[in-house]
Amino acid sequence: MSKNIPEQLLTLRDFMRWGASRFREAGLDFGHGTASAIDEAVYLALHAVHLPPNTHASWFDTRLVQKEKRQIISLFERRIGERIPAAYITHEAWFAGLDFYVDERVLIPRSPLAELIEQGFEPWVDATRIRRILDLGTGSGCIGIACAYAFPEASVDLADISPDALAVAEINLDRHKLRGRVRTIETDLFANIEGEYDLIVSNPPYVDREDMACLTPEFAHEPPLGLEAGEDGLDVVLPLLKGARDHLAPEGVLVVEVGNSEAALSRRLPNCPLTWIEFEHGGHGVFTLNREQLLQYECFDAVAE
């Protein structure tokens, strides 16, 4: 992209349209929170001029000063030149209607679990019984923090193996002023987890070897620790299932996202009652199990060794 600003570009709308065209021309991938080149160009243009993402479209026809034009061009050039996802450029991501700080120490939030959280996990969870929640593999903390909003009487633990990820989660704890009710725990799965939880939610690494080899350049900016999960994408999910039995309270519920590894997990556990959740707003590969089901089926022992 040329550093010279085309004379014909005058308004925010001009830059949004022009940026979207350049993004499509460059073959960018939009799998990190925006759905299209247009959405991403609008988001970056608004961020460059310090306007929120929900700015009314009537503002789009306002003219820009030269400094604002240069700021927009600079963001567009970085997005194309480095193939870096927009959220890492702005250090901002949205999940379940909440804003979070993100950087390259954590994955960018984009899970369909947001829809479940906004619905209070109905009908799988009785909200009146939720007192302790565990977000296992928390990354930025977005899932656990969103759960803290959804269940205001519950305490929430944000657990992750990565100290870097937990440092980002701590930033978001401060942003949302949730210290005291929400805390972070450094742990490899359940190694440092104590007690039982009414709800365990996890979006663990689940990308298999074949899919890892096919990821677009944008994904190279994300930490591999949050993506890679072995040959069939189940290296983390299977031991997670085995460990969850000891940390679910009576009538406790486990909700796990495995994405494209849904088929592989169903093949490995053909006799286990995984309930696959359907989403109104898109997404797949999320299952739920309750404590009774986890205790009843011994197949987890055989596959998680």
C-alpha atoms as a PDB file:
ATOM      1  CA  MET A   1       0.000   0.000   0.000  1.00  0.00           C
ATOM      2  CA  SER A   2       1.375   3.406  -0.917  1.00  0.00           C
ATOM      3  CA  LYS A   3       2.248   5.787   1.911  1.00  0.00           C
ATOM      4  CA  ASN A   4       0.800   8.620  -0.223  1.00  0.00           C
ATOM      5  CA  ILE A   5      -2.801   9.444   0.638  1.00  0.00           C
ATOM      6  CA  PRO A   6      -5.038   9.465  -2.467  1.00  0.00           C
ATOM      7  CA  GLU A   7      -6.488  12.962  -2.927  1.00  0.00           C
ATOM      8  CA  GLN A   8      -9.976  11.575  -3.493  1.00  0.00           C
ATOM      9  CA  LEU A   9     -10.180  10.185   0.064  1.00  0.00           C
ATOM     10  CA  LEU A  10     -11.876  12.809   2.196  1.00  0.00           C
ATOM     11  CA  THR A  11     -14.302  11.232   4.648  1.00  0.00           C
ATOM     12  CA  LEU A  12     -14.282   8.361   7.098  1.00  0.00           C
ATOM     13  CA  ARG A  13     -16.530   6.461   4.705  1.00  0.00           C
ATOM     14  CA  ASP A  14     -14.037   6.981   1.866  1.00  0.00           C
ATOM     15  CA  PHE A  15     -11.250   5.447   3.922  1.00  0.00           C
ATOM     16  CA  MET A  16     -13.410   2.568   5.101  1.00  0.00           C
ATOM     17  CA  ARG A  17     -14.364   1.631   1.553  1.00  0.00           C
ATOM     18  CA  TRP A  18     -10.825   2.090   0.268  1.00  0.00           C
ATOM     19  CA  GLY A  19      -9.328   0.073   3.135  1.00  0.00           C
ATOM     20  CA  ALA A  20     -11.764  -2.785   2.601  1.00  0.00           C
ATOM     21  CA  SER A  21     -10.761  -2.915  -1.072  1.00  0.00           C
ATOM     22  CA  ARG A  22      -7.064  -2.992  -0.183  1.00  0.00           C
ATOM     23  CA  PHE A  23      -7.647  -5.735   2.410  1.00  0.00           C
ATOM     24  CA  ARG A  24      -9.465  -7.914  -0.109  1.00  0.00           C
ATOM     25  CA  GLU A  25      -6.774  -7.218  -2.711  1.00  0.00           C
ATOM     26  CA  ALA A  26      -4.125  -8.373  -0.209  1.00  0.00           C
ATOM     27  CA  GLY A  27      -6.034 -11.587   0.588  1.00  0.00           C
ATOM     28  CA  LEU A  28      -6.206 -10.994   4.329  1.00  0.00           C
ATOM     29  CA  ASP A  29      -7.878 -13.471   6.666  1.00  0.00           C
ATOM     30  CA  PHE A  30     -10.640 -12.290   8.998  1.00  0.00           C
ATOM     31  CA  GLY A  31     -10.897 -15.053  11.558  1.00  0.00           C
ATOM     32  CA  HIS A  32     -10.046 -13.036  14.664  1.00  0.00           C
ATOM     33  CA  GLY A  33     -13.176 -11.179  15.640  1.00  0.00           C
ATOM     34  CA  THR A  34     -14.332  -9.526  12.415  1.00  0.00           C
ATOM     35  CA  ALA A  35     -16.275 -11.230   9.650  1.00  0.00           C
ATOM     36  CA  SER A  36     -15.149  -9.350   6.545  1.00  0.00           C
ATOM     37  CA  ALA A  37     -12.784  -6.819   5.007  1.00  0.00           C
ATOM     38  CA  ILE A  38     -15.456  -4.132   5.390  1.00  0.00           C
ATOM     39  CA  ASP A  39     -15.948  -4.834   9.108  1.00  0.00           C
ATOM     40  CA  GLU A  40     -12.221  -4.694   9.749  1.00  0.00           C
ATOM     41  CA  ALA A  41     -11.675  -1.501   7.749  1.00  0.00           C
ATOM     42  CA  VAL A  42     -14.525   0.191   9.628  1.00  0.00           C
ATOM     43  CA  TYR A  43     -13.151  -0.953  12.979  1.00  0.00           C
ATOM     44  CA  LEU A  44      -9.584   0.188  12.302  1.00  0.00           C
ATOM     45  CA  ALA A  45     -10.647   3.519  10.811  1.00  0.00           C
ATOM     46  CA  LEU A  46     -12.800   4.319  13.840  1.00  0.00           C
ATOM     47  CA  HIS A  47     -10.042   3.281  16.228  1.00  0.00           C
ATOM     48  CA  ALA A  48      -7.546   5.521  14.433  1.00  0.00           C
ATOM     49  CA  VAL A  49      -9.705   8.605  15.049  1.00  0.00           C
ATOM     50  CA  HIS A  50     -10.567   7.597  18.630  1.00  0.00           C
ATOM     51  CA  LEU A  51     -14.213   6.726  18.010  1.00  0.00           C
ATOM     52  CA  PRO A  52     -15.876   3.623  19.526  1.00  0.00           C
ATOM     53  CA  PRO A  53     -16.892   0.637  17.379  1.00  0.00           C
ATOM     54  CA  ASN A  54     -20.579   1.430  17.851  1.00  0.00           C
ATOM     55  CA  THR A  55     -20.269   4.935  16.388  1.00  0.00           C
ATOM     56  CA  HIS A  56     -23.399   5.782  14.371  1.00  0.00           C
ATOM     57  CA  ALA A  57     -22.993   5.615  10.591  1.00  0.00           C
ATOM     58  CA  SER A  58     -23.981   9.286  10.322  1.00  0.00           C
ATOM     59  CA  TRP A  59     -20.432  10.102  11.458  1.00  0.00           C
ATOM     60  CA  PHE A  60     -18.923   8.229   8.521  1.00  0.00           C
ATOM     61  CA  ASP A  61     -19.441  11.173   6.160  1.00  0.00           C
ATOM     62  CA  THR A  62     -17.406  13.591   8.280  1.00  0.00           C
ATOM     63  CA  ARG A  63     -14.213  14.882   6.682  1.00  0.00           C
ATOM     64  CA  LEU A  64     -10.822  14.086   8.150  1.00  0.00           C
ATOM     65  CA  VAL A  65      -7.797  16.266   8.850  1.00  0.00           C
ATOM     66  CA  GLN A  66      -4.416  15.176   7.497  1.00  0.00           C
ATOM     67  CA  LYS A  67      -3.217  13.794  10.815  1.00  0.00           C
ATOM     68  CA  GLU A  68      -6.273  11.529  11.051  1.00  0.00           C
ATOM     69  CA  LYS A  69      -5.785  10.350   7.483  1.00  0.00           C
ATOM     70  CA  ARG A  70      -2.173   9.424   8.227  1.00  0.00           C
ATOM     71  CA  GLN A  71      -3.241   7.542  11.355  1.00  0.00           C
ATOM     72  CA  ILE A  72      -5.750   5.468   9.406  1.00  0.00           C
ATOM     73  CA  ILE A  73      -3.276   4.746   6.609  1.00  0.00           C
ATOM     74  CA  SER A  74      -0.683   3.684   9.170  1.00  0.00           C
ATOM     75  CA  LEU A  75      -3.030   1.096  10.693  1.00  0.00           C
ATOM     76  CA  PHE A  76      -4.087  -0.182   7.279  1.00  0.00           C
ATOM     77  CA  GLU A  77      -0.450  -0.537   6.189  1.00  0.00           C
ATOM     78  CA  ARG A  78       0.461  -2.478   9.305  1.00  0.00           C
ATOM     79  CA  ARG A  79      -2.531  -4.778   8.901  1.00  0.00           C
ATOM     80  CA  ILE A  80      -1.515  -5.604   5.325  1.00  0.00           C
ATOM     81  CA  GLY A  81       2.266  -5.526   5.653  1.00  0.00           C
ATOM     82  CA  GLU A  82       2.564  -7.620   8.810  1.00  0.00           C
ATOM     83  CA  ARG A  83      -0.632  -9.683   8.421  1.00  0.00           C
ATOM     84  CA  ILE A  84      -1.232  -8.971  12.093  1.00  0.00           C
ATOM     85  CA  PRO A  85      -4.828  -9.345  13.346  1.00  0.00           C
ATOM     86  CA  ALA A  86      -6.561  -6.054  14.066  1.00  0.00           C
ATOM     87  CA  ALA A  87      -7.033  -6.871  17.756  1.00  0.00           C
ATOM     88  CA  TYR A  88      -3.264  -7.040  18.255  1.00  0.00           C
ATOM     89  CA  ILE A  89      -2.866  -3.659  16.584  1.00  0.00           C
ATOM     90  CA  THR A  90      -5.466  -1.968  18.781  1.00  0.00           C
ATOM     91  CA  HIS A  91      -4.899  -4.145  21.894  1.00  0.00           C
ATOM     92  CA  GLU A  92      -8.662  -4.435  22.139  1.00  0.00           C
ATOM     93  CA  ALA A  93     -11.103  -7.287  21.670  1.00  0.00           C
ATOM     94  CA  TRP A  94     -14.785  -7.758  22.387  1.00  0.00           C
ATOM     95  CA  PHE A  95     -16.378 -10.840  23.917  1.00  0.00           C
ATOM     96  CA  ALA A  96     -19.930 -11.259  25.225  1.00  0.00           C
ATOM     97  CA  GLY A  97     -20.417  -7.515  24.843  1.00  0.00           C
ATOM     98  CA  LEU A  98     -17.399  -6.717  27.027  1.00  0.00           C
ATOM     99  CA  ASP A  99     -14.087  -5.148  26.041  1.00  0.00           C
ATOM    100  CA  PHE A 100     -10.767  -6.825  26.857  1.00  0.00           C
ATOM    101  CA  TYR A 101      -7.107  -5.959  26.564  1.00  0.00           C
ATOM    102  CA  VAL A 102      -5.224  -8.427  24.340  1.00  0.00           C
ATOM    103  CA  ASP A 103      -1.717  -8.786  22.977  1.00  0.00           C
ATOM    104  CA  GLU A 104       0.333 -11.566  21.424  1.00  0.00           C
ATOM    105  CA  ARG A 105       0.654 -13.415  24.729  1.00  0.00           C
ATOM    106  CA  VAL A 106      -2.937 -14.651  24.380  1.00  0.00           C
ATOM    107  CA  LEU A 107      -5.376 -15.824  21.731  1.00  0.00           C
ATOM    108  CA  ILE A 108      -7.837 -13.255  20.426  1.00  0.00           C
ATOM    109  CA  PRO A 109     -11.329 -13.957  21.860  1.00  0.00           C
ATOM    110  CA  ARG A 110     -13.704 -15.378  19.249  1.00  0.00           C
ATOM    111  CA  SER A 111     -15.463 -18.305  20.920  1.00  0.00           C
ATOM    112  CA  PRO A 112     -19.152 -19.183  20.458  1.00  0.00           C
ATOM    113  CA  LEU A 113     -19.145 -19.678  24.229  1.00  0.00           C
ATOM    114  CA  ALA A 114     -20.030 -15.972  24.406  1.00  0.00           C
ATOM    115  CA  GLU A 115     -23.567 -16.834  23.309  1.00  0.00           C
ATOM    116  CA  LEU A 116     -23.901 -19.448  26.047  1.00  0.00           C
ATOM    117  CA  ILE A 117     -22.597 -17.075  28.702  1.00  0.00           C
ATOM    118  CA  GLU A 118     -25.052 -14.363  27.697  1.00  0.00           C
ATOM    119  CA  GLN A 119     -27.847 -16.956  28.065  1.00  0.00           C
ATOM    120  CA  GLY A 120     -26.616 -18.047  31.495  1.00  0.00           C
ATOM    121  CA  PHE A 121     -25.796 -21.488  30.039  1.00  0.00           C
ATOM    122  CA  GLU A 122     -29.498 -22.328  29.951  1.00  0.00           C
ATOM    123  CA  PRO A 123     -30.890 -24.966  29.922  1.00  0.00           C
ATOM    124  CA  TRP A 124     -27.854 -26.901  31.113  1.00  0.00           C
ATOM    125  CA  VAL A 125     -27.201 -24.832  34.220  1.00  0.00           C
ATOM    126  CA  ASP A 126     -29.429 -23.773  37.114  1.00  0.00           C
ATOM    127  CA  ALA A 127     -28.190 -20.241  37.796  1.00  0.00           C
ATOM    128  CA  THR A 128     -29.363 -20.366  41.424  1.00  0.00           C
ATOM    129  CA  ARG A 129     -26.885 -23.168  42.147  1.00  0.00           C
ATOM    130  CA  ILE A 130     -23.771 -21.531  40.704  1.00  0.00           C
ATOM    131  CA  ARG A 131     -21.367 -20.465  43.452  1.00  0.00           C
ATOM    132  CA  ARG A 132     -17.938 -21.439  42.071  1.00  0.00           C
ATOM    133  CA  ILE A 133     -16.806 -21.252  38.422  1.00  0.00           C
ATOM    134  CA  LEU A 134     -13.535 -22.388  36.851  1.00  0.00           C
ATOM    135  CA  ASP A 135     -12.320 -21.038  33.506  1.00  0.00           C
ATOM    136  CA  LEU A 136      -9.641 -23.593  32.610  1.00  0.00           C
ATOM    137  CA  GLY A 137      -7.158 -22.376  29.987  1.00  0.00           C
ATOM    138  CA  THR A 138      -8.322 -18.822  30.501  1.00  0.00           C
ATOM    139  CA  GLY A 139      -5.902 -16.927  28.236  1.00  0.00           C
ATOM    140  CA  SER A 140      -7.020 -13.286  28.364  1.00  0.00           C
ATOM    141  CA  GLY A 141      -9.575 -14.135  31.033  1.00  0.00           C
ATOM    142  CA  CYS A 142     -12.491 -13.230  28.767  1.00  0.00           C
ATOM    143  CA  ILE A 143     -14.595 -16.354  29.399  1.00  0.00           C
ATOM    144  CA  GLY A 144     -14.230 -16.317  33.179  1.00  0.00           C
ATOM    145  CA  ILE A 145     -14.723 -12.561  33.460  1.00  0.00           C
ATOM    146  CA  ALA A 146     -17.838 -12.737  31.288  1.00  0.00           C
ATOM    147  CA  CYS A 147     -19.082 -15.539  33.556  1.00  0.00           C
ATOM    148  CA  ALA A 148     -18.510 -13.286  36.571  1.00  0.00           C
ATOM    149  CA  TYR A 149     -20.897 -10.777  35.009  1.00  0.00           C
ATOM    150  CA  ALA A 150     -23.433 -13.482  34.146  1.00  0.00           C
ATOM    151  CA  PHE A 151     -23.337 -14.980  37.666  1.00  0.00           C
ATOM    152  CA  PRO A 152     -22.778 -12.010  39.999  1.00  0.00           C
ATOM    153  CA  GLU A 153     -22.999 -14.139  43.170  1.00  0.00           C
ATOM    154  CA  ALA A 154     -20.284 -16.591  42.055  1.00  0.00           C
ATOM    155  CA  SER A 155     -16.551 -16.620  42.664  1.00  0.00           C
ATOM    156  CA  VAL A 156     -14.462 -17.322  39.555  1.00  0.00           C
ATOM    157  CA  ASP A 157     -11.005 -18.846  39.097  1.00  0.00           C
ATOM    158  CA  LEU A 158      -9.049 -18.068  35.920  1.00  0.00           C
ATOM    159  CA  ALA A 159      -6.548 -20.902  35.387  1.00  0.00           C
ATOM    160  CA  ASP A 160      -3.803 -21.241  32.801  1.00  0.00           C
ATOM    161  CA  ILE A 161      -0.437 -22.941  32.348  1.00  0.00           C
ATOM    162  CA  SER A 162       1.072 -19.765  30.847  1.00  0.00           C
ATOM    163  CA  PRO A 163       2.360 -17.011  33.177  1.00  0.00           C
ATOM    164  CA  ASP A 164       2.272 -14.644  30.202  1.00  0.00           C
ATOM    165  CA  ALA A 165      -1.407 -15.345  29.610  1.00  0.00           C
ATOM    166  CA  LEU A 166      -2.192 -14.851  33.285  1.00  0.00           C
ATOM    167  CA  ALA A 167      -0.432 -11.484  33.194  1.00  0.00           C
ATOM    168  CA  VAL A 168      -2.906 -10.402  30.516  1.00  0.00           C
ATOM    169  CA  ALA A 169      -5.799 -11.834  32.528  1.00  0.00           C
ATOM    170  CA  GLU A 170      -4.637  -9.733  35.486  1.00  0.00           C
ATOM    171  CA  ILE A 171      -4.822  -6.606  33.323  1.00  0.00           C
ATOM    172  CA  ASN A 172      -8.402  -7.491  32.467  1.00  0.00           C
ATOM    173  CA  LEU A 173      -9.270  -8.155  36.100  1.00  0.00           C
ATOM    174  CA  ASP A 174      -8.235  -4.597  36.856  1.00  0.00           C
ATOM    175  CA  ARG A 175     -10.071  -3.264  33.796  1.00  0.00           C
ATOM    176  CA  HIS A 176     -13.302  -4.839  34.984  1.00  0.00           C
ATOM    177  CA  LYS A 177     -12.701  -4.194  38.684  1.00  0.00           C
ATOM    178  CA  LEU A 178     -13.346  -7.792  39.690  1.00  0.00           C
ATOM    179  CA  ARG A 179     -10.515  -8.462  42.125  1.00  0.00           C
ATOM    180  CA  GLY A 180     -11.731 -10.168  45.250  1.00  0.00           C
ATOM    181  CA  ARG A 181     -14.354 -12.238  43.442  1.00  0.00           C
ATOM    182  CA  VAL A 182     -12.144 -13.371  40.554  1.00  0.00           C
ATOM    183  CA  ARG A 183      -8.562 -14.628  40.852  1.00  0.00           C
ATOM    184  CA  THR A 184      -5.889 -16.221  38.651  1.00  0.00           C
ATOM    185  CA  ILE A 185      -4.199 -19.600  39.163  1.00  0.00           C
ATOM    186  CA  GLU A 186      -1.101 -20.876  37.350  1.00  0.00           C
ATOM    187  CA  THR A 187      -1.633 -24.586  36.709  1.00  0.00           C
ATOM    188  CA  ASP A 188      -1.202 -27.402  34.203  1.00  0.00           C
ATOM    189  CA  LEU A 189      -4.851 -28.463  33.851  1.00  0.00           C
ATOM    190  CA  PHE A 190      -6.000 -29.461  37.353  1.00  0.00           C
ATOM    191  CA  ALA A 191      -2.560 -29.840  38.972  1.00  0.00           C
ATOM    192  CA  ASN A 192      -2.941 -26.792  41.247  1.00  0.00           C
ATOM    193  CA  ILE A 193      -6.733 -26.703  41.375  1.00  0.00           C
ATOM    194  CA  GLU A 194      -8.402 -27.325  44.741  1.00  0.00           C
ATOM    195  CA  GLY A 195     -11.997 -28.047  45.580  1.00  0.00           C
ATOM    196  CA  GLU A 196     -15.112 -28.453  43.479  1.00  0.00           C
ATOM    197  CA  TYR A 197     -16.896 -26.159  41.047  1.00  0.00           C
ATOM    198  CA  ASP A 198     -20.517 -25.842  40.019  1.00  0.00           C
ATOM    199  CA  LEU A 199     -19.450 -24.884  36.495  1.00  0.00           C
ATOM    200  CA  ILE A 200     -16.205 -25.616  34.666  1.00  0.00           C
ATOM    201  CA  VAL A 201     -15.797 -23.903  31.293  1.00  0.00           C
ATOM    202  CA  SER A 202     -12.847 -24.470  28.981  1.00  0.00           C
ATOM    203  CA  ASN A 203     -11.687 -23.402  25.547  1.00  0.00           C
ATOM    204  CA  PRO A 204      -8.458 -25.444  25.494  1.00  0.00           C
ATOM    205  CA  PRO A 205      -6.001 -25.945  22.627  1.00  0.00           C
ATOM    206  CA  TYR A 206      -7.702 -28.185  20.063  1.00  0.00           C
ATOM    207  CA  VAL A 207      -6.113 -27.551  16.633  1.00  0.00           C
ATOM    208  CA  ASP A 208      -4.850 -30.798  15.092  1.00  0.00           C
ATOM    209  CA  ARG A 209      -1.618 -31.162  13.135  1.00  0.00           C
ATOM    210  CA  GLU A 210      -3.283 -30.963   9.717  1.00  0.00           C
ATOM    211  CA  ASP A 211      -5.172 -27.775  10.548  1.00  0.00           C
ATOM    212  CA  MET A 212      -2.070 -26.195  12.110  1.00  0.00           C
ATOM    213  CA  ALA A 213      -0.254 -26.637   8.807  1.00  0.00           C
ATOM    214  CA  CYS A 214      -3.064 -24.836   6.956  1.00  0.00           C
ATOM    215  CA  LEU A 215      -3.462 -21.770   9.188  1.00  0.00           C
ATOM    216  CA  THR A 216      -3.201 -18.375   7.497  1.00  0.00           C
ATOM    217  CA  PRO A 217      -0.338 -15.956   8.376  1.00  0.00           C
ATOM    218  CA  GLU A 218      -2.556 -14.086  10.853  1.00  0.00           C
ATOM    219  CA  PHE A 219      -2.557 -17.110  13.171  1.00  0.00           C
ATOM    220  CA  ALA A 220       1.256 -17.095  13.330  1.00  0.00           C
ATOM    221  CA  HIS A 221       1.005 -14.075  15.642  1.00  0.00           C
ATOM    222  CA  GLU A 222      -0.922 -16.079  18.241  1.00  0.00           C
ATOM    223  CA  PRO A 223       0.860 -18.222  20.875  1.00  0.00           C
ATOM    224  CA  PRO A 224       1.118 -21.837  19.619  1.00  0.00           C
ATOM    225  CA  LEU A 225       0.541 -23.026  23.195  1.00  0.00           C
ATOM    226  CA  GLY A 226      -3.060 -21.882  22.860  1.00  0.00           C
ATOM    227  CA  LEU A 227      -3.655 -23.682  19.561  1.00  0.00           C
ATOM    228  CA  GLU A 228      -1.618 -26.871  19.098  1.00  0.00           C
ATOM    229  CA  ALA A 229      -3.130 -30.098  20.435  1.00  0.00           C
ATOM    230  CA  GLY A 230      -1.336 -32.954  18.710  1.00  0.00           C
ATOM    231  CA  GLU A 231      -2.156 -35.240  15.820  1.00  0.00           C
ATOM    232  CA  ASP A 232      -5.923 -35.347  16.322  1.00  0.00           C
ATOM    233  CA  GLY A 233      -6.404 -32.177  18.386  1.00  0.00           C
ATOM    234  CA  LEU A 234      -7.215 -34.069  21.582  1.00  0.00           C
ATOM    235  CA  ASP A 235      -3.948 -33.937  23.544  1.00  0.00           C
ATOM    236  CA  VAL A 236      -5.436 -31.516  26.086  1.00  0.00           C
ATOM    237  CA  VAL A 237      -9.142 -32.335  25.949  1.00  0.00           C
ATOM    238  CA  LEU A 238      -8.834 -36.000  26.944  1.00  0.00           C
ATOM    239  CA  PRO A 239      -6.847 -35.478  30.165  1.00  0.00           C
ATOM    240  CA  LEU A 240      -9.104 -32.502  30.915  1.00  0.00           C
ATOM    241  CA  LEU A 241     -12.120 -34.824  30.836  1.00  0.00           C
ATOM    242  CA  LYS A 242     -10.425 -37.285  33.148  1.00  0.00           C
ATOM    243  CA  GLY A 243      -9.464 -34.606  35.665  1.00  0.00           C
ATOM    244  CA  ALA A 244     -12.784 -32.786  35.635  1.00  0.00           C
ATOM    245  CA  ARG A 245     -14.532 -35.620  37.474  1.00  0.00           C
ATOM    246  CA  ASP A 246     -12.680 -34.797  40.692  1.00  0.00           C
ATOM    247  CA  HIS A 247     -13.476 -31.085  40.546  1.00  0.00           C
ATOM    248  CA  LEU A 248     -17.165 -30.924  39.661  1.00  0.00           C
ATOM    249  CA  ALA A 249     -19.576 -30.389  42.539  1.00  0.00           C
ATOM    250  CA  PRO A 250     -22.720 -32.509  42.793  1.00  0.00           C
ATOM    251  CA  GLU A 251     -24.933 -31.457  39.878  1.00  0.00           C
ATOM    252  CA  GLY A 252     -21.915 -29.604  38.468  1.00  0.00           C
ATOM    253  CA  VAL A 253     -21.624 -29.033  34.714  1.00  0.00           C
ATOM    254  CA  LEU A 254     -18.648 -29.090  32.347  1.00  0.00           C
ATOM    255  CA  VAL A 255     -18.712 -27.089  29.091  1.00  0.00           C
ATOM    256  CA  VAL A 256     -15.808 -27.480  26.635  1.00  0.00           C
ATOM    257  CA  GLU A 257     -15.070 -26.130  23.164  1.00  0.00           C
ATOM    258  CA  VAL A 258     -13.165 -28.405  20.773  1.00  0.00           C
ATOM    259  CA  GLY A 259     -13.981 -26.753  17.441  1.00  0.00           C
ATOM    260  CA  ASN A 260     -12.986 -28.761  14.398  1.00  0.00           C
ATOM    261  CA  SER A 261     -11.853 -31.644  16.626  1.00  0.00           C
ATOM    262  CA  GLU A 262     -15.500 -32.477  17.346  1.00  0.00           C
ATOM    263  CA  ALA A 263     -15.476 -35.441  14.957  1.00  0.00           C
ATOM    264  CA  ALA A 264     -12.205 -36.802  16.355  1.00  0.00           C
ATOM    265  CA  LEU A 265     -13.521 -36.648  19.921  1.00  0.00           C
ATOM    266  CA  SER A 266     -16.769 -38.388  18.957  1.00  0.00           C
ATOM    267  CA  ARG A 267     -14.740 -41.194  17.348  1.00  0.00           C
ATOM    268  CA  ARG A 268     -12.501 -41.590  20.409  1.00  0.00           C
ATOM    269  CA  LEU A 269     -15.464 -41.613  22.831  1.00  0.00           C
ATOM    270  CA  PRO A 270     -18.265 -43.308  20.877  1.00  0.00           C
ATOM    271  CA  ASN A 271     -20.178 -44.461  23.952  1.00  0.00           C
ATOM    272  CA  CYS A 272     -19.985 -41.299  26.020  1.00  0.00           C
ATOM    273  CA  PRO A 273     -23.002 -38.969  26.225  1.00  0.00           C
ATOM    274  CA  LEU A 274     -21.446 -35.813  24.844  1.00  0.00           C
ATOM    275  CA  THR A 275     -24.188 -33.248  24.226  1.00  0.00           C
ATOM    276  CA  TRP A 276     -23.183 -31.030  21.312  1.00  0.00           C
ATOM    277  CA  ILE A 277     -24.642 -27.542  21.599  1.00  0.00           C
ATOM    278  CA  GLU A 278     -26.250 -25.743  18.685  1.00  0.00           C
ATOM    279  CA  PHE A 279     -25.730 -21.980  18.355  1.00  0.00           C
ATOM    280  CA  GLU A 280     -28.131 -19.395  17.015  1.00  0.00           C
ATOM    281  CA  HIS A 281     -25.370 -17.007  15.961  1.00  0.00           C
ATOM    282  CA  GLY A 282     -22.875 -19.465  14.503  1.00  0.00           C
ATOM    283  CA  GLY A 283     -20.190 -21.707  15.913  1.00  0.00           C
ATOM    284  CA  HIS A 284     -19.798 -25.413  16.601  1.00  0.00           C
ATOM    285  CA  GLY A 285     -17.743 -27.975  18.492  1.00  0.00           C
ATOM    286  CA  VAL A 286     -18.926 -27.210  22.041  1.00  0.00           C
ATOM    287  CA  PHE A 287     -20.147 -30.029  24.270  1.00  0.00           C
ATOM    288  CA  THR A 288     -21.479 -30.350  27.788  1.00  0.00           C
ATOM    289  CA  LEU A 289     -21.406 -33.138  30.361  1.00  0.00           C
ATOM    290  CA  ASN A 290     -22.579 -33.214  33.962  1.00  0.00           C
ATOM    291  CA  ARG A 291     -20.804 -34.771  36.935  1.00  0.00           C
ATOM    292  CA  GLU A 292     -22.974 -37.882  36.949  1.00  0.00           C
ATOM    293  CA  GLN A 293     -22.139 -38.602  33.320  1.00  0.00           C
ATOM    294  CA  LEU A 294     -18.423 -38.102  33.937  1.00  0.00           C
ATOM    295  CA  LEU A 295     -18.467 -40.491  36.876  1.00  0.00           C
ATOM    296  CA  GLN A 296     -20.563 -43.088  35.072  1.00  0.00           C
ATOM    297  CA  TYR A 297     -18.425 -43.503  31.968  1.00  0.00           C
ATOM    298  CA  GLU A 298     -14.992 -45.050  32.416  1.00  0.00           C
ATOM    299  CA  CYS A 299     -13.948 -44.518  28.815  1.00  0.00           C
ATOM    300  CA  PHE A 300     -12.005 -41.393  29.804  1.00  0.00           C
ATOM    301  CA  ASP A 301      -9.478 -43.492  31.743  1.00  0.00           C
ATOM    302  CA  ALA A 302      -8.659 -45.614  28.718  1.00  0.00           C
ATOM    303  CA  VAL A 303      -8.002 -42.731  26.331  1.00  0.00           C
ATOM    304  CA  ALA A 304      -6.333 -40.243  28.636  1.00  0.00           C
ATOM    305  CA  GLU A 305      -3.349 -42.276  29.750  1.00  0.00           C
END
